[in-house]
Amino acid sequence: MSGPFPAIICKLAELHDGDSRGVTVEQDGKLHDLFVVMHAGRVFAYLNRCPHTGAPLDWAPDRFLSLDGRHIQCANHAALFRIEDGACIAGPCHGNALAAVPVEVSEGVVRLPSGYRMPG
């Protein structure tokens, strides 16, 4: 995203309940890796960065969830995070949380809100 328009993350139709997807968003010449999760009909987004090590969370492309699909799971040390708020509930970063990224859904598209600036 370089201009005043909100960055498109993905089409809503590409996500189904229990799906996750990694994306890279460009803003001001910088690339930001994040991921989205569809859970209970809502879309949640987070930076793809473990609060413990800073490493990406996915263990394979678009694989951010535990095998039972109930939590986000870090591939490096199996820490578990709540989908709804990114809070770590198990693992070495217990008590920390993933960095949430606000998203809006309109006209069948998941996007960053207009004017939102990615952290860091």
Protein backbone atom coordinates (compact mmCIF):
# COMPACT_ATOMS: atom_id res chain seq x y z
CA MET A 1 0.00 0.00 0.00
CA SER A 2 1.70 3.15 -1.12
CA GLY A 3 -1.17 5.54 -1.63
CA PRO A 4 -4.26 6.67 0.28
CA PHE A 5 -6.24 3.54 -0.56
CA PRO A 6 -6.60 0.68 1.93
CA ALA A 7 -4.47 -2.37 1.19
CA ILE A 8 -6.43 -5.39 0.04
CA ILE A 9 -5.49 -8.51 1.98
CA CYS A 10 -7.69 -11.09 0.25
CA LYS A 11 -11.17 -11.77 -1.04
CA LEU A 12 -13.59 -12.85 1.66
CA ALA A 13 -14.72 -15.76 -0.54
CA GLU A 14 -11.17 -17.17 -0.32
CA LEU A 15 -11.58 -17.73 3.43
CA HIS A 16 -13.80 -20.30 5.09
CA ASP A 17 -14.35 -20.87 8.78
CA GLY A 18 -11.20 -22.47 10.16
CA ASP A 19 -8.98 -21.13 7.35
CA SER A 20 -5.80 -19.11 7.76
CA ARG A 21 -3.76 -17.33 5.13
CA GLY A 22 -0.42 -15.53 5.14
CA VAL A 23 -0.06 -12.31 3.17
CA THR A 24 2.54 -9.63 2.61
CA VAL A 25 1.42 -6.02 2.55
CA GLU A 26 3.61 -3.24 1.16
CA GLN A 27 3.38 0.14 2.82
CA ASP A 28 5.75 3.07 2.33
CA GLY A 29 8.26 0.81 0.58
CA LYS A 30 8.34 -1.70 3.46
CA LEU A 31 6.99 -5.24 3.38
CA HIS A 32 4.93 -6.48 6.34
CA ASP A 33 4.07 -10.16 6.78
CA LEU A 34 0.75 -10.84 8.41
CA PHE A 35 -1.90 -13.52 8.45
CA VAL A 36 -5.66 -13.70 8.64
CA VAL A 37 -7.87 -16.30 10.28
CA MET A 38 -11.57 -16.85 9.69
CA HIS A 39 -13.15 -18.00 12.94
CA ALA A 40 -16.85 -18.12 13.86
CA GLY A 41 -17.67 -15.99 10.83
CA ARG A 42 -15.21 -13.22 11.75
CA VAL A 43 -11.84 -12.31 10.28
CA PHE A 44 -8.87 -11.71 12.59
CA ALA A 45 -5.43 -10.49 11.49
CA TYR A 46 -2.02 -10.45 13.17
CA LEU A 47 1.57 -9.71 12.28
CA ASN A 48 3.30 -12.97 11.38
CA ARG A 49 5.79 -12.64 14.20
CA CYS A 50 6.05 -14.70 17.37
CA PRO A 51 6.28 -12.45 20.46
CA HIS A 52 8.86 -14.86 21.93
CA THR A 53 11.41 -15.09 19.11
CA GLY A 54 10.19 -12.73 16.39
CA ALA A 55 10.17 -15.65 13.94
CA PRO A 56 7.25 -16.36 11.59
CA LEU A 57 4.51 -18.52 13.10
CA ASP A 58 3.53 -20.69 10.13
CA TRP A 59 4.94 -24.21 9.80
CA ALA A 60 3.91 -24.43 6.13
CA PRO A 61 2.38 -21.84 3.80
CA ASP A 62 -0.99 -20.69 5.17
CA ARG A 63 -0.75 -23.06 8.19
CA PHE A 64 -1.15 -20.98 11.33
CA LEU A 65 -3.64 -23.07 13.31
CA SER A 66 -3.24 -26.00 15.68
CA LEU A 67 -4.30 -29.37 14.29
CA ASP A 68 -7.69 -29.10 16.03
CA GLY A 69 -8.17 -25.58 14.59
CA ARG A 70 -8.92 -24.07 17.99
CA HIS A 71 -5.77 -21.93 18.35
CA ILE A 72 -3.04 -20.18 16.44
CA GLN A 73 0.14 -22.19 16.95
CA CYS A 74 3.78 -21.15 16.61
CA ALA A 75 5.77 -23.59 14.49
CA ASN A 76 8.99 -22.93 16.41
CA HIS A 77 8.00 -23.86 19.94
CA ALA A 78 4.29 -24.84 19.76
CA ALA A 79 3.05 -21.83 21.74
CA LEU A 80 -0.73 -21.49 21.51
CA PHE A 81 -2.60 -18.22 20.99
CA ARG A 82 -6.32 -17.46 21.18
CA ILE A 83 -7.71 -16.65 17.75
CA GLU A 84 -10.02 -13.92 19.07
CA ASP A 85 -7.36 -11.69 20.67
CA GLY A 86 -3.93 -13.25 19.99
CA ALA A 87 -3.21 -13.83 23.69
CA CYS A 88 -0.65 -16.55 24.35
CA ILE A 89 -2.22 -19.21 26.54
CA ALA A 90 0.55 -21.84 26.47
CA GLY A 91 4.26 -21.84 25.75
CA PRO A 92 7.31 -19.70 26.51
CA CYS A 93 5.55 -16.43 25.64
CA HIS A 94 2.61 -17.06 28.00
CA GLY A 95 1.13 -13.72 29.02
CA ASN A 96 2.23 -11.96 25.81
CA ALA A 97 0.14 -11.57 22.68
CA LEU A 98 0.43 -11.44 18.94
CA ALA A 99 0.37 -7.96 17.39
CA ALA A 100 -3.19 -7.50 16.13
CA VAL A 101 -3.82 -5.79 12.80
CA PRO A 102 -7.25 -4.24 12.29
CA VAL A 103 -9.15 -5.32 9.19
CA GLU A 104 -12.42 -4.36 7.63
CA VAL A 105 -14.60 -6.41 5.34
CA SER A 106 -16.55 -4.60 2.64
CA GLU A 107 -17.74 -5.45 -0.83
CA GLY A 108 -16.43 -9.01 -0.42
CA VAL A 109 -12.86 -7.90 0.30
CA VAL A 110 -10.75 -8.04 3.47
CA ARG A 111 -8.57 -4.94 3.72
CA LEU A 112 -6.64 -2.72 6.06
CA PRO A 113 -8.69 0.28 7.17
CA SER A 114 -8.03 3.49 5.27
CA GLY A 115 -5.22 5.44 6.94
CA TYR A 116 -3.99 2.51 9.04
CA ARG A 117 -0.21 2.49 9.43
CA MET A 118 1.55 -0.82 10.01
CA PRO A 119 3.69 -0.87 13.18
CA GLY A 120 7.47 -0.75 12.89
